[in-house]
Amino acid sequence: MEKIIVQGRKNGKQIEIACSNLVMGAGDFLRADNMDFAGPVLDQYFEMGGNIFDTARHYRHSEKAIGTWMKVRGNRDSVIIQTKGGHPVREASDVPRVTAEAIHEDISVSLDTLQTDHVELFALHRDNPEVEVGEIMEAMHQEVEDGRVYAIGLSNWELPRIIEANEYAVSHGLTPLSFNSPNFSLAKVNRPRWENCVSANEAMIHWHEKTGLPLFSWSSQAGGFFSGRFSKEDRSDTEMVEVYYSEANWERFSRAKQLAKQKGCTPIQISLAYVLTQSFPTAAVIGPENAAELKSSVLAAEITLTQAEVDWLDLKAQGKAERKWIFKLK
């Protein structure tokens, strides 16, 4: 796996955190607080070059399972943890928890659950536009100063708020953002997959191209849209229909199948390669539940796409050279 660099701070000094571009997602994967199910896949991911785990206090047993795995394997110093906070509690999902108090509380609980004294990356799971960015960035900065977090980021924030938060941090001498974590995939959403979640739009993509800030994509494979399990005629999965079924996405799927045939791989591998082949640093959160799914993702990360192929997959306008290439493909 290739590595992307996230800028961080430790003991008052600037550091570089080298993260594998495939991130082991643990939201739905680690369903139980034991290693019988999760251990073998975590071990294999680690052995294949992966080193970063995406988790959150909100993800049921996830943090506890990762903490147990690290303790049993004795590998905490070789593991990068990205955890998240600020998610509404399940009993009151419509009440935002994006405050300084919630940030400090969530990090404290996460560290205890993970059995560690720090996490390399910390992001806010949601935004609350009614809270000034100053309060939020001051709280995140304090966690870096205290050494409990090395790098900070945001997840599911709209671009204007991201820019406002980062500009506040820079202008006040605080820790700036080191990464952003929206939804980003070849398939574009018709509506947010979950309430108050944000997908990277063209403006956000251009901002990442301009700043070079790493993007950690969740739902990078669009819920399996490119796996072949879904079709225009099968509308039994209401969520998939509402979120991903569109003529544009079916055309993207058709093109992914054509390109996969040429490259000797699968459409879902092409969709993952698309996420990892951008003009700025990207990492994809994956959720394999067995060795075969993990191997598929690792092989996808090795696929090389040209800019013409990336644009063609995403239905972007082509120039003469790209049209000539497309003609050969078809």
C-alpha atoms as a PDB file:
ATOM      1  CA  MET A   1       0.000   0.000   0.000  1.00  0.00           C
ATOM      2  CA  GLU A   2       1.135   3.527  -0.703  1.00  0.00           C
ATOM      3  CA  LYS A   3       1.430   6.052   2.108  1.00  0.00           C
ATOM      4  CA  ILE A   4       0.067   9.578   2.388  1.00  0.00           C
ATOM      5  CA  ILE A   5       1.553  12.116   4.776  1.00  0.00           C
ATOM      6  CA  VAL A   6      -0.557  13.870   7.394  1.00  0.00           C
ATOM      7  CA  GLN A   7       1.063  16.763   9.207  1.00  0.00           C
ATOM      8  CA  GLY A   8       0.888  16.545  12.986  1.00  0.00           C
ATOM      9  CA  ARG A   9       2.399  17.853  16.163  1.00  0.00           C
ATOM     10  CA  LYS A  10       3.943  15.925  19.060  1.00  0.00           C
ATOM     11  CA  ASN A  11       5.703  17.305  22.120  1.00  0.00           C
ATOM     12  CA  GLY A  12       5.629  20.755  20.572  1.00  0.00           C
ATOM     13  CA  LYS A  13       7.378  19.633  17.395  1.00  0.00           C
ATOM     14  CA  GLN A  14       6.045  19.209  13.866  1.00  0.00           C
ATOM     15  CA  ILE A  15       5.861  15.572  12.758  1.00  0.00           C
ATOM     16  CA  GLU A  16       4.838  13.674   9.648  1.00  0.00           C
ATOM     17  CA  ILE A  17       2.370  10.818  10.086  1.00  0.00           C
ATOM     18  CA  ALA A  18       2.694   8.286   7.256  1.00  0.00           C
ATOM     19  CA  CYS A  19      -0.722   6.674   6.778  1.00  0.00           C
ATOM     20  CA  SER A  20      -1.502   3.810   4.407  1.00  0.00           C
ATOM     21  CA  ASN A  21      -3.912   4.896   1.692  1.00  0.00           C
ATOM     22  CA  LEU A  22      -6.250   2.036   2.607  1.00  0.00           C
ATOM     23  CA  VAL A  23      -7.745   2.706   6.026  1.00  0.00           C
ATOM     24  CA  MET A  24      -9.293  -0.153   7.969  1.00  0.00           C
ATOM     25  CA  GLY A  25     -12.788   1.045   8.774  1.00  0.00           C
ATOM     26  CA  ALA A  26     -14.300  -0.380  11.927  1.00  0.00           C
ATOM     27  CA  GLY A  27     -17.796   1.085  12.018  1.00  0.00           C
ATOM     28  CA  ASP A  28     -19.730  -2.045  11.070  1.00  0.00           C
ATOM     29  CA  PHE A  29     -16.842  -4.496  11.028  1.00  0.00           C
ATOM     30  CA  LEU A  30     -16.033  -4.783  14.722  1.00  0.00           C
ATOM     31  CA  ARG A  31     -19.428  -5.827  15.998  1.00  0.00           C
ATOM     32  CA  ALA A  32     -18.209  -7.690  19.052  1.00  0.00           C
ATOM     33  CA  ASP A  33     -15.674  -7.208  21.785  1.00  0.00           C
ATOM     34  CA  ASN A  34     -13.596 -10.255  20.894  1.00  0.00           C
ATOM     35  CA  MET A  35     -10.834 -11.191  18.498  1.00  0.00           C
ATOM     36  CA  ASP A  36     -12.270 -14.438  17.129  1.00  0.00           C
ATOM     37  CA  PHE A  37     -14.013 -12.592  14.308  1.00  0.00           C
ATOM     38  CA  ALA A  38     -11.921  -9.464  13.859  1.00  0.00           C
ATOM     39  CA  GLY A  39      -8.422 -10.578  14.778  1.00  0.00           C
ATOM     40  CA  PRO A  40      -7.478 -12.519  11.626  1.00  0.00           C
ATOM     41  CA  VAL A  41      -8.526  -9.715   9.265  1.00  0.00           C
ATOM     42  CA  LEU A  42      -6.818  -7.037  11.383  1.00  0.00           C
ATOM     43  CA  ASP A  43      -3.663  -9.141  11.412  1.00  0.00           C
ATOM     44  CA  GLN A  44      -3.736  -9.646   7.653  1.00  0.00           C
ATOM     45  CA  TYR A  45      -4.346  -5.931   6.997  1.00  0.00           C
ATOM     46  CA  PHE A  46      -1.361  -5.097   9.191  1.00  0.00           C
ATOM     47  CA  GLU A  47       0.831  -7.726   7.502  1.00  0.00           C
ATOM     48  CA  MET A  48      -0.075  -6.388   4.029  1.00  0.00           C
ATOM     49  CA  GLY A  49       1.188  -2.909   4.870  1.00  0.00           C
ATOM     50  CA  GLY A  50      -1.868  -1.259   6.386  1.00  0.00           C
ATOM     51  CA  ASN A  51      -1.282   0.787   9.506  1.00  0.00           C
ATOM     52  CA  ILE A  52      -4.293   3.031  10.188  1.00  0.00           C
ATOM     53  CA  PHE A  53      -7.666   2.273  11.759  1.00  0.00           C
ATOM     54  CA  ASP A  54     -10.755   4.465  11.451  1.00  0.00           C
ATOM     55  CA  THR A  55     -12.951   4.226  14.518  1.00  0.00           C
ATOM     56  CA  ALA A  56     -15.132   6.339  16.807  1.00  0.00           C
ATOM     57  CA  ARG A  57     -16.689   6.333  20.234  1.00  0.00           C
ATOM     58  CA  HIS A  58     -20.010   6.023  18.417  1.00  0.00           C
ATOM     59  CA  TYR A  59     -19.026   2.750  16.697  1.00  0.00           C
ATOM     60  CA  ARG A  60     -20.311   0.248  19.246  1.00  0.00           C
ATOM     61  CA  HIS A  61     -17.498  -2.194  20.178  1.00  0.00           C
ATOM     62  CA  SER A  62     -14.993  -0.837  17.668  1.00  0.00           C
ATOM     63  CA  GLU A  63     -12.633   1.082  19.933  1.00  0.00           C
ATOM     64  CA  LYS A  64     -12.663  -1.640  22.594  1.00  0.00           C
ATOM     65  CA  ALA A  65     -11.860  -4.335  20.044  1.00  0.00           C
ATOM     66  CA  ILE A  66      -8.983  -2.324  18.548  1.00  0.00           C
ATOM     67  CA  GLY A  67      -7.628  -1.596  22.014  1.00  0.00           C
ATOM     68  CA  THR A  68      -7.753  -5.286  22.898  1.00  0.00           C
ATOM     69  CA  TRP A  69      -6.081  -6.251  19.616  1.00  0.00           C
ATOM     70  CA  MET A  70      -3.241  -3.756  20.121  1.00  0.00           C
ATOM     71  CA  LYS A  71      -2.703  -4.910  23.702  1.00  0.00           C
ATOM     72  CA  VAL A  72      -2.602  -8.593  22.750  1.00  0.00           C
ATOM     73  CA  ARG A  73      -0.297  -7.974  19.769  1.00  0.00           C
ATOM     74  CA  GLY A  74       1.833  -5.396  21.577  1.00  0.00           C
ATOM     75  CA  ASN A  75       1.938  -3.197  18.474  1.00  0.00           C
ATOM     76  CA  ARG A  76       0.566   0.177  19.626  1.00  0.00           C
ATOM     77  CA  ASP A  77       3.672   2.055  18.450  1.00  0.00           C
ATOM     78  CA  SER A  78       3.187   0.705  14.892  1.00  0.00           C
ATOM     79  CA  VAL A  79      -0.507   1.570  14.648  1.00  0.00           C
ATOM     80  CA  ILE A  80      -2.122   4.849  13.645  1.00  0.00           C
ATOM     81  CA  ILE A  81      -5.553   5.502  15.122  1.00  0.00           C
ATOM     82  CA  GLN A  82      -8.065   7.911  13.655  1.00  0.00           C
ATOM     83  CA  THR A  83     -10.997   8.260  15.994  1.00  0.00           C
ATOM     84  CA  LYS A  84     -13.899  10.692  15.938  1.00  0.00           C
ATOM     85  CA  GLY A  85     -16.136  12.552  18.357  1.00  0.00           C
ATOM     86  CA  GLY A  86     -18.993  14.994  18.418  1.00  0.00           C
ATOM     87  CA  HIS A  87     -21.589  12.491  17.217  1.00  0.00           C
ATOM     88  CA  PRO A  88     -25.126  12.855  18.594  1.00  0.00           C
ATOM     89  CA  VAL A  89     -26.060  10.244  21.172  1.00  0.00           C
ATOM     90  CA  ARG A  90     -28.318   7.478  19.869  1.00  0.00           C
ATOM     91  CA  GLU A  91     -31.164   8.418  22.204  1.00  0.00           C
ATOM     92  CA  ALA A  92     -31.262  12.002  20.896  1.00  0.00           C
ATOM     93  CA  SER A  93     -29.832  11.819  17.392  1.00  0.00           C
ATOM     94  CA  ASP A  94     -31.248  15.246  16.486  1.00  0.00           C
ATOM     95  CA  VAL A  95     -29.302  17.036  19.233  1.00  0.00           C
ATOM     96  CA  PRO A  96     -25.802  18.125  18.109  1.00  0.00           C
ATOM     97  CA  ARG A  97     -22.831  17.449  20.395  1.00  0.00           C
ATOM     98  CA  VAL A  98     -20.236  19.734  18.825  1.00  0.00           C
ATOM     99  CA  THR A  99     -18.949  21.731  21.776  1.00  0.00           C
ATOM    100  CA  ALA A 100     -15.670  22.066  23.641  1.00  0.00           C
ATOM    101  CA  GLU A 101     -17.097  19.989  26.488  1.00  0.00           C
ATOM    102  CA  ALA A 102     -18.171  17.170  24.141  1.00  0.00           C
ATOM    103  CA  ILE A 103     -14.773  17.158  22.398  1.00  0.00           C
ATOM    104  CA  HIS A 104     -12.861  16.759  25.652  1.00  0.00           C
ATOM    105  CA  GLU A 105     -15.326  14.141  26.934  1.00  0.00           C
ATOM    106  CA  ASP A 106     -15.243  12.059  23.751  1.00  0.00           C
ATOM    107  CA  ILE A 107     -11.455  12.017  23.582  1.00  0.00           C
ATOM    108  CA  SER A 108     -11.203  11.009  27.243  1.00  0.00           C
ATOM    109  CA  VAL A 109     -13.642   8.126  26.777  1.00  0.00           C
ATOM    110  CA  SER A 110     -11.972   7.016  23.539  1.00  0.00           C
ATOM    111  CA  LEU A 111      -8.508   6.945  25.093  1.00  0.00           C
ATOM    112  CA  ASP A 112      -9.752   4.865  28.012  1.00  0.00           C
ATOM    113  CA  THR A 113     -11.546   2.450  25.689  1.00  0.00           C
ATOM    114  CA  LEU A 114      -8.582   2.147  23.319  1.00  0.00           C
ATOM    115  CA  GLN A 115      -6.223   1.647  26.281  1.00  0.00           C
ATOM    116  CA  THR A 116      -3.840   4.332  25.041  1.00  0.00           C
ATOM    117  CA  ASP A 117      -2.746   7.812  26.060  1.00  0.00           C
ATOM    118  CA  HIS A 118      -3.081   9.382  22.610  1.00  0.00           C
ATOM    119  CA  VAL A 119      -4.535   9.044  19.134  1.00  0.00           C
ATOM    120  CA  GLU A 120      -2.660  10.161  16.051  1.00  0.00           C
ATOM    121  CA  LEU A 121      -5.711  11.610  14.258  1.00  0.00           C
ATOM    122  CA  PHE A 122      -8.936  13.017  15.685  1.00  0.00           C
ATOM    123  CA  ALA A 123     -11.874  14.326  13.680  1.00  0.00           C
ATOM    124  CA  LEU A 124     -15.303  15.698  14.491  1.00  0.00           C
ATOM    125  CA  HIS A 125     -18.040  13.389  13.256  1.00  0.00           C
ATOM    126  CA  ARG A 126     -20.512  16.204  12.634  1.00  0.00           C
ATOM    127  CA  ASP A 127     -20.841  19.981  12.613  1.00  0.00           C
ATOM    128  CA  ASN A 128     -23.136  22.338  14.467  1.00  0.00           C
ATOM    129  CA  PRO A 129     -23.276  25.640  12.558  1.00  0.00           C
ATOM    130  CA  GLU A 130     -24.774  27.323  15.617  1.00  0.00           C
ATOM    131  CA  VAL A 131     -21.475  26.936  17.481  1.00  0.00           C
ATOM    132  CA  GLU A 132     -18.730  29.403  16.579  1.00  0.00           C
ATOM    133  CA  VAL A 133     -15.691  27.811  14.980  1.00  0.00           C
ATOM    134  CA  GLY A 134     -13.480  29.556  17.531  1.00  0.00           C
ATOM    135  CA  GLU A 135     -14.762  27.443  20.419  1.00  0.00           C
ATOM    136  CA  ILE A 136     -14.299  24.276  18.407  1.00  0.00           C
ATOM    137  CA  MET A 137     -10.798  24.998  17.138  1.00  0.00           C
ATOM    138  CA  GLU A 138      -9.631  26.214  20.564  1.00  0.00           C
ATOM    139  CA  ALA A 139     -10.766  22.911  22.090  1.00  0.00           C
ATOM    140  CA  MET A 140      -9.121  20.818  19.355  1.00  0.00           C
ATOM    141  CA  HIS A 141      -5.893  22.840  19.704  1.00  0.00           C
ATOM    142  CA  GLN A 142      -5.842  22.238  23.455  1.00  0.00           C
ATOM    143  CA  GLU A 143      -5.987  18.472  22.896  1.00  0.00           C
ATOM    144  CA  VAL A 144      -2.938  18.717  20.616  1.00  0.00           C
ATOM    145  CA  GLU A 145      -1.112  20.858  23.170  1.00  0.00           C
ATOM    146  CA  ASP A 146      -1.905  18.291  25.861  1.00  0.00           C
ATOM    147  CA  GLY A 147      -0.463  15.524  23.675  1.00  0.00           C
ATOM    148  CA  ARG A 148      -3.660  13.480  23.533  1.00  0.00           C
ATOM    149  CA  VAL A 149      -4.064  14.146  19.784  1.00  0.00           C
ATOM    150  CA  TYR A 150      -1.355  14.650  17.147  1.00  0.00           C
ATOM    151  CA  ALA A 151      -3.440  15.892  14.192  1.00  0.00           C
ATOM    152  CA  ILE A 152      -6.979  17.226  13.828  1.00  0.00           C
ATOM    153  CA  GLY A 153      -9.547  17.073  11.052  1.00  0.00           C
ATOM    154  CA  LEU A 154     -13.217  17.380  10.251  1.00  0.00           C
ATOM    155  CA  SER A 155     -15.790  14.969   8.897  1.00  0.00           C
ATOM    156  CA  ASN A 156     -19.142  15.889   7.355  1.00  0.00           C
ATOM    157  CA  TRP A 157     -18.543  19.632   7.370  1.00  0.00           C
ATOM    158  CA  GLU A 158     -19.546  21.846   4.464  1.00  0.00           C
ATOM    159  CA  LEU A 159     -16.677  23.590   2.701  1.00  0.00           C
ATOM    160  CA  PRO A 160     -17.418  27.177   3.856  1.00  0.00           C
ATOM    161  CA  ARG A 161     -17.296  26.062   7.497  1.00  0.00           C
ATOM    162  CA  ILE A 162     -14.095  24.079   6.894  1.00  0.00           C
ATOM    163  CA  ILE A 163     -12.430  27.152   5.419  1.00  0.00           C
ATOM    164  CA  GLU A 164     -13.722  29.370   8.227  1.00  0.00           C
ATOM    165  CA  ALA A 165     -12.454  26.977  10.899  1.00  0.00           C
ATOM    166  CA  ASN A 166      -9.025  26.631   9.339  1.00  0.00           C
ATOM    167  CA  GLU A 167      -8.641  30.374   8.797  1.00  0.00           C
ATOM    168  CA  TYR A 168      -9.559  30.971  12.433  1.00  0.00           C
ATOM    169  CA  ALA A 169      -6.904  28.505  13.561  1.00  0.00           C
ATOM    170  CA  VAL A 170      -4.209  30.037  11.358  1.00  0.00           C
ATOM    171  CA  SER A 171      -5.040  33.629  12.300  1.00  0.00           C
ATOM    172  CA  HIS A 172      -5.057  32.811  16.032  1.00  0.00           C
ATOM    173  CA  GLY A 173      -1.899  30.716  16.079  1.00  0.00           C
ATOM    174  CA  LEU A 174      -3.763  27.481  16.733  1.00  0.00           C
ATOM    175  CA  THR A 175      -3.330  24.000  15.297  1.00  0.00           C
ATOM    176  CA  PRO A 176      -4.611  24.017  11.701  1.00  0.00           C
ATOM    177  CA  LEU A 177      -6.544  21.221  10.050  1.00  0.00           C
ATOM    178  CA  SER A 178      -4.449  18.289   8.836  1.00  0.00           C
ATOM    179  CA  PHE A 179      -7.131  16.352   6.945  1.00  0.00           C
ATOM    180  CA  ASN A 180     -10.770  16.298   5.868  1.00  0.00           C
ATOM    181  CA  SER A 181     -13.043  13.239   5.845  1.00  0.00           C
ATOM    182  CA  PRO A 182     -16.181  13.525   3.702  1.00  0.00           C
ATOM    183  CA  ASN A 183     -17.901  10.894   1.619  1.00  0.00           C
ATOM    184  CA  PHE A 184     -16.164  10.597  -1.740  1.00  0.00           C
ATOM    185  CA  SER A 185     -16.685   7.896  -4.361  1.00  0.00           C
ATOM    186  CA  LEU A 186     -17.137   7.369  -8.066  1.00  0.00           C
ATOM    187  CA  ALA A 187     -20.904   7.085  -7.545  1.00  0.00           C
ATOM    188  CA  LYS A 188     -22.462  10.425  -6.595  1.00  0.00           C
ATOM    189  CA  VAL A 189     -25.194  10.575  -3.979  1.00  0.00           C
ATOM    190  CA  ASN A 190     -28.746  11.758  -4.624  1.00  0.00           C
ATOM    191  CA  ARG A 191     -29.153  12.523  -0.937  1.00  0.00           C
ATOM    192  CA  PRO A 192     -26.935  12.064   2.139  1.00  0.00           C
ATOM    193  CA  ARG A 193     -26.658   8.413   3.066  1.00  0.00           C
ATOM    194  CA  TRP A 194     -27.092   9.359   6.703  1.00  0.00           C
ATOM    195  CA  GLU A 195     -28.543  12.510   8.233  1.00  0.00           C
ATOM    196  CA  ASN A 196     -26.246  15.550   8.200  1.00  0.00           C
ATOM    197  CA  CYS A 197     -23.497  13.738   6.309  1.00  0.00           C
ATOM    198  CA  VAL A 198     -21.518  15.536   3.609  1.00  0.00           C
ATOM    199  CA  SER A 199     -20.178  14.307   0.267  1.00  0.00           C
ATOM    200  CA  ALA A 200     -17.320  16.030  -1.504  1.00  0.00           C
ATOM    201  CA  ASN A 201     -18.689  18.207  -4.310  1.00  0.00           C
ATOM    202  CA  GLU A 202     -16.756  19.897  -7.104  1.00  0.00           C
ATOM    203  CA  ALA A 203     -15.993  22.952  -4.966  1.00  0.00           C
ATOM    204  CA  MET A 204     -14.555  20.797  -2.185  1.00  0.00           C
ATOM    205  CA  ILE A 205     -12.494  18.793  -4.680  1.00  0.00           C
ATOM    206  CA  HIS A 206     -11.057  21.992  -6.159  1.00  0.00           C
ATOM    207  CA  TRP A 207     -10.199  23.188  -2.639  1.00  0.00           C
ATOM    208  CA  HIS A 208      -8.298  19.975  -1.938  1.00  0.00           C
ATOM    209  CA  GLU A 209      -6.484  20.339  -5.254  1.00  0.00           C
ATOM    210  CA  LYS A 210      -5.522  23.894  -4.302  1.00  0.00           C
ATOM    211  CA  THR A 211      -4.463  23.197  -0.708  1.00  0.00           C
ATOM    212  CA  GLY A 212      -3.144  19.632  -1.032  1.00  0.00           C
ATOM    213  CA  LEU A 213      -4.891  18.724   2.209  1.00  0.00           C
ATOM    214  CA  PRO A 214      -5.366  14.929   2.491  1.00  0.00           C
ATOM    215  CA  LEU A 215      -8.889  13.587   2.045  1.00  0.00           C
ATOM    216  CA  PHE A 216      -9.969  10.447   3.909  1.00  0.00           C
ATOM    217  CA  SER A 217     -13.027   9.129   2.113  1.00  0.00           C
ATOM    218  CA  TRP A 218     -15.721   7.146   3.896  1.00  0.00           C
ATOM    219  CA  SER A 219     -18.136   4.952   1.892  1.00  0.00           C
ATOM    220  CA  SER A 220     -15.421   5.047  -0.738  1.00  0.00           C
ATOM    221  CA  GLN A 221     -17.003   2.117  -2.613  1.00  0.00           C
ATOM    222  CA  ALA A 222     -20.531   3.539  -2.482  1.00  0.00           C
ATOM    223  CA  GLY A 223     -22.014   0.810  -0.349  1.00  0.00           C
ATOM    224  CA  GLY A 224     -21.093  -1.838  -2.909  1.00  0.00           C
ATOM    225  CA  PHE A 225     -22.866  -0.108  -5.807  1.00  0.00           C
ATOM    226  CA  PHE A 226     -20.172  -1.342  -8.222  1.00  0.00           C
ATOM    227  CA  SER A 227     -20.110  -4.900  -6.839  1.00  0.00           C
ATOM    228  CA  GLY A 228     -22.696  -6.281  -9.257  1.00  0.00           C
ATOM    229  CA  ARG A 229     -25.216  -6.963  -6.493  1.00  0.00           C
ATOM    230  CA  PHE A 230     -27.488  -4.162  -7.696  1.00  0.00           C
ATOM    231  CA  SER A 231     -29.277  -3.487 -10.972  1.00  0.00           C
ATOM    232  CA  LYS A 232     -31.707  -0.950 -12.391  1.00  0.00           C
ATOM    233  CA  GLU A 233     -34.501  -3.495 -12.177  1.00  0.00           C
ATOM    234  CA  ASP A 234     -33.846  -4.554  -8.580  1.00  0.00           C
ATOM    235  CA  ARG A 235     -35.205  -1.824  -6.333  1.00  0.00           C
ATOM    236  CA  SER A 236     -35.535  -3.914  -3.187  1.00  0.00           C
ATOM    237  CA  ASP A 237     -32.849  -2.008  -1.265  1.00  0.00           C
ATOM    238  CA  THR A 238     -34.623   1.287  -0.568  1.00  0.00           C
ATOM    239  CA  GLU A 239     -31.547   3.054   0.802  1.00  0.00           C
ATOM    240  CA  MET A 240     -29.396   2.186  -2.206  1.00  0.00           C
ATOM    241  CA  VAL A 241     -32.176   3.233  -4.579  1.00  0.00           C
ATOM    242  CA  GLU A 242     -32.643   6.592  -2.863  1.00  0.00           C
ATOM    243  CA  VAL A 243     -28.939   7.329  -2.451  1.00  0.00           C
ATOM    244  CA  TYR A 244     -27.228   5.935  -5.554  1.00  0.00           C
ATOM    245  CA  TYR A 245     -29.724   4.972  -8.267  1.00  0.00           C
ATOM    246  CA  SER A 246     -29.435   7.506 -11.076  1.00  0.00           C
ATOM    247  CA  GLU A 247     -28.836   7.372 -14.808  1.00  0.00           C
ATOM    248  CA  ALA A 248     -25.466   9.071 -14.313  1.00  0.00           C
ATOM    249  CA  ASN A 249     -24.342   6.456 -11.786  1.00  0.00           C
ATOM    250  CA  TRP A 250     -25.493   3.564 -13.980  1.00  0.00           C
ATOM    251  CA  GLU A 251     -23.406   5.063 -16.774  1.00  0.00           C
ATOM    252  CA  ARG A 252     -20.440   5.261 -14.403  1.00  0.00           C
ATOM    253  CA  PHE A 253     -21.011   1.601 -13.545  1.00  0.00           C
ATOM    254  CA  SER A 254     -21.110   0.712 -17.233  1.00  0.00           C
ATOM    255  CA  ARG A 255     -17.817   2.496 -17.824  1.00  0.00           C
ATOM    256  CA  ALA A 256     -16.264   0.864 -14.750  1.00  0.00           C
ATOM    257  CA  LYS A 257     -17.192  -2.535 -16.196  1.00  0.00           C
ATOM    258  CA  GLN A 258     -15.611  -1.663 -19.545  1.00  0.00           C
ATOM    259  CA  LEU A 259     -12.390  -0.475 -17.933  1.00  0.00           C
ATOM    260  CA  ALA A 260     -12.302  -3.447 -15.546  1.00  0.00           C
ATOM    261  CA  LYS A 261     -12.523  -5.834 -18.481  1.00  0.00           C
ATOM    262  CA  GLN A 262      -9.592  -4.115 -20.150  1.00  0.00           C
ATOM    263  CA  LYS A 263      -7.462  -4.155 -16.988  1.00  0.00           C
ATOM    264  CA  GLY A 264      -8.401  -7.652 -15.860  1.00  0.00           C
ATOM    265  CA  CYS A 265     -10.029  -6.659 -12.585  1.00  0.00           C
ATOM    266  CA  THR A 266     -13.528  -5.967 -11.223  1.00  0.00           C
ATOM    267  CA  PRO A 267     -15.706  -2.833 -11.420  1.00  0.00           C
ATOM    268  CA  ILE A 268     -15.603  -2.334  -7.656  1.00  0.00           C
ATOM    269  CA  GLN A 269     -11.804  -2.375  -7.797  1.00  0.00           C
ATOM    270  CA  ILE A 270     -11.941   0.276 -10.512  1.00  0.00           C
ATOM    271  CA  SER A 271     -14.218   2.387  -8.290  1.00  0.00           C
ATOM    272  CA  LEU A 272     -11.720   2.170  -5.432  1.00  0.00           C
ATOM    273  CA  ALA A 273      -8.798   2.949  -7.741  1.00  0.00           C
ATOM    274  CA  TYR A 274     -10.725   6.065  -8.834  1.00  0.00           C
ATOM    275  CA  VAL A 275     -10.814   7.357  -5.249  1.00  0.00           C
ATOM    276  CA  LEU A 276      -7.093   6.711  -4.800  1.00  0.00           C
ATOM    277  CA  THR A 277      -6.103   8.294  -8.137  1.00  0.00           C
ATOM    278  CA  GLN A 278      -6.698  11.980  -7.579  1.00  0.00           C
ATOM    279  CA  SER A 279      -4.505  15.017  -8.010  1.00  0.00           C
ATOM    280  CA  PHE A 280      -4.266  15.469  -4.224  1.00  0.00           C
ATOM    281  CA  PRO A 281      -3.561  12.977  -1.404  1.00  0.00           C
ATOM    282  CA  THR A 282      -6.434  10.585  -0.768  1.00  0.00           C
ATOM    283  CA  ALA A 283      -7.053   7.586   1.441  1.00  0.00           C
ATOM    284  CA  ALA A 284     -10.063   5.281   1.324  1.00  0.00           C
ATOM    285  CA  VAL A 285     -11.770   3.842   4.361  1.00  0.00           C
ATOM    286  CA  ILE A 286     -12.604   0.195   3.656  1.00  0.00           C
ATOM    287  CA  GLY A 287     -14.567  -2.342   5.681  1.00  0.00           C
ATOM    288  CA  PRO A 288     -13.536  -5.865   4.632  1.00  0.00           C
ATOM    289  CA  GLU A 289     -15.032  -8.640   6.732  1.00  0.00           C
ATOM    290  CA  ASN A 290     -12.879 -11.438   5.367  1.00  0.00           C
ATOM    291  CA  ALA A 291      -9.543 -12.101   3.708  1.00  0.00           C
ATOM    292  CA  ALA A 292     -10.972 -12.133   0.180  1.00  0.00           C
ATOM    293  CA  GLU A 293     -12.537  -8.687   0.511  1.00  0.00           C
ATOM    294  CA  LEU A 294      -9.319  -7.293   1.982  1.00  0.00           C
ATOM    295  CA  LYS A 295      -7.211  -8.768  -0.825  1.00  0.00           C
ATOM    296  CA  SER A 296      -9.597  -7.272  -3.408  1.00  0.00           C
ATOM    297  CA  SER A 297      -9.101  -3.802  -1.926  1.00  0.00           C
ATOM    298  CA  VAL A 298      -5.317  -4.170  -1.728  1.00  0.00           C
ATOM    299  CA  LEU A 299      -5.178  -5.207  -5.387  1.00  0.00           C
ATOM    300  CA  ALA A 300      -7.405  -2.248  -6.291  1.00  0.00           C
ATOM    301  CA  ALA A 301      -4.914   0.097  -4.641  1.00  0.00           C
ATOM    302  CA  GLU A 302      -2.277  -1.175  -7.063  1.00  0.00           C
ATOM    303  CA  ILE A 303      -4.298  -0.282 -10.173  1.00  0.00           C
ATOM    304  CA  THR A 304      -2.958   2.694 -12.091  1.00  0.00           C
ATOM    305  CA  LEU A 305      -5.457   5.011 -13.776  1.00  0.00           C
ATOM    306  CA  THR A 306      -4.576   7.848 -16.118  1.00  0.00           C
ATOM    307  CA  GLN A 307      -6.186  11.253 -15.748  1.00  0.00           C
ATOM    308  CA  ALA A 308      -8.098  10.548 -18.954  1.00  0.00           C
ATOM    309  CA  GLU A 309      -9.483   7.341 -17.446  1.00  0.00           C
ATOM    310  CA  VAL A 310     -10.433   9.101 -14.203  1.00  0.00           C
ATOM    311  CA  ASP A 311     -12.263  11.837 -16.120  1.00  0.00           C
ATOM    312  CA  TRP A 312     -13.978   9.327 -18.405  1.00  0.00           C
ATOM    313  CA  LEU A 313     -15.214   7.250 -15.468  1.00  0.00           C
ATOM    314  CA  ASP A 314     -16.638  10.376 -13.865  1.00  0.00           C
ATOM    315  CA  LEU A 315     -18.413  11.522 -17.062  1.00  0.00           C
ATOM    316  CA  LYS A 316     -16.173  14.553 -17.441  1.00  0.00           C
ATOM    317  CA  ALA A 317     -15.832  16.261 -20.825  1.00  0.00           C
ATOM    318  CA  GLN A 318     -13.018  14.880 -22.948  1.00  0.00           C
ATOM    319  CA  GLY A 319     -10.655  16.489 -25.397  1.00  0.00           C
ATOM    320  CA  LYS A 320      -9.551  14.956 -28.701  1.00  0.00           C
ATOM    321  CA  ALA A 321      -6.872  12.747 -27.138  1.00  0.00           C
ATOM    322  CA  GLU A 322      -9.304  11.325 -24.587  1.00  0.00           C
ATOM    323  CA  ARG A 323     -11.995  10.715 -27.189  1.00  0.00           C
ATOM    324  CA  LYS A 324      -9.447   8.763 -29.233  1.00  0.00           C
ATOM    325  CA  TRP A 325      -8.590   6.678 -26.165  1.00  0.00           C
ATOM    326  CA  ILE A 326     -12.283   6.029 -25.450  1.00  0.00           C
ATOM    327  CA  PHE A 327     -12.848   4.870 -29.020  1.00  0.00           C
ATOM    328  CA  LYS A 328     -10.059   2.290 -28.583  1.00  0.00           C
ATOM    329  CA  LEU A 329     -11.559   1.147 -25.267  1.00  0.00           C
ATOM    330  CA  LYS A 330     -14.985   0.526 -26.754  1.00  0.00           C
END
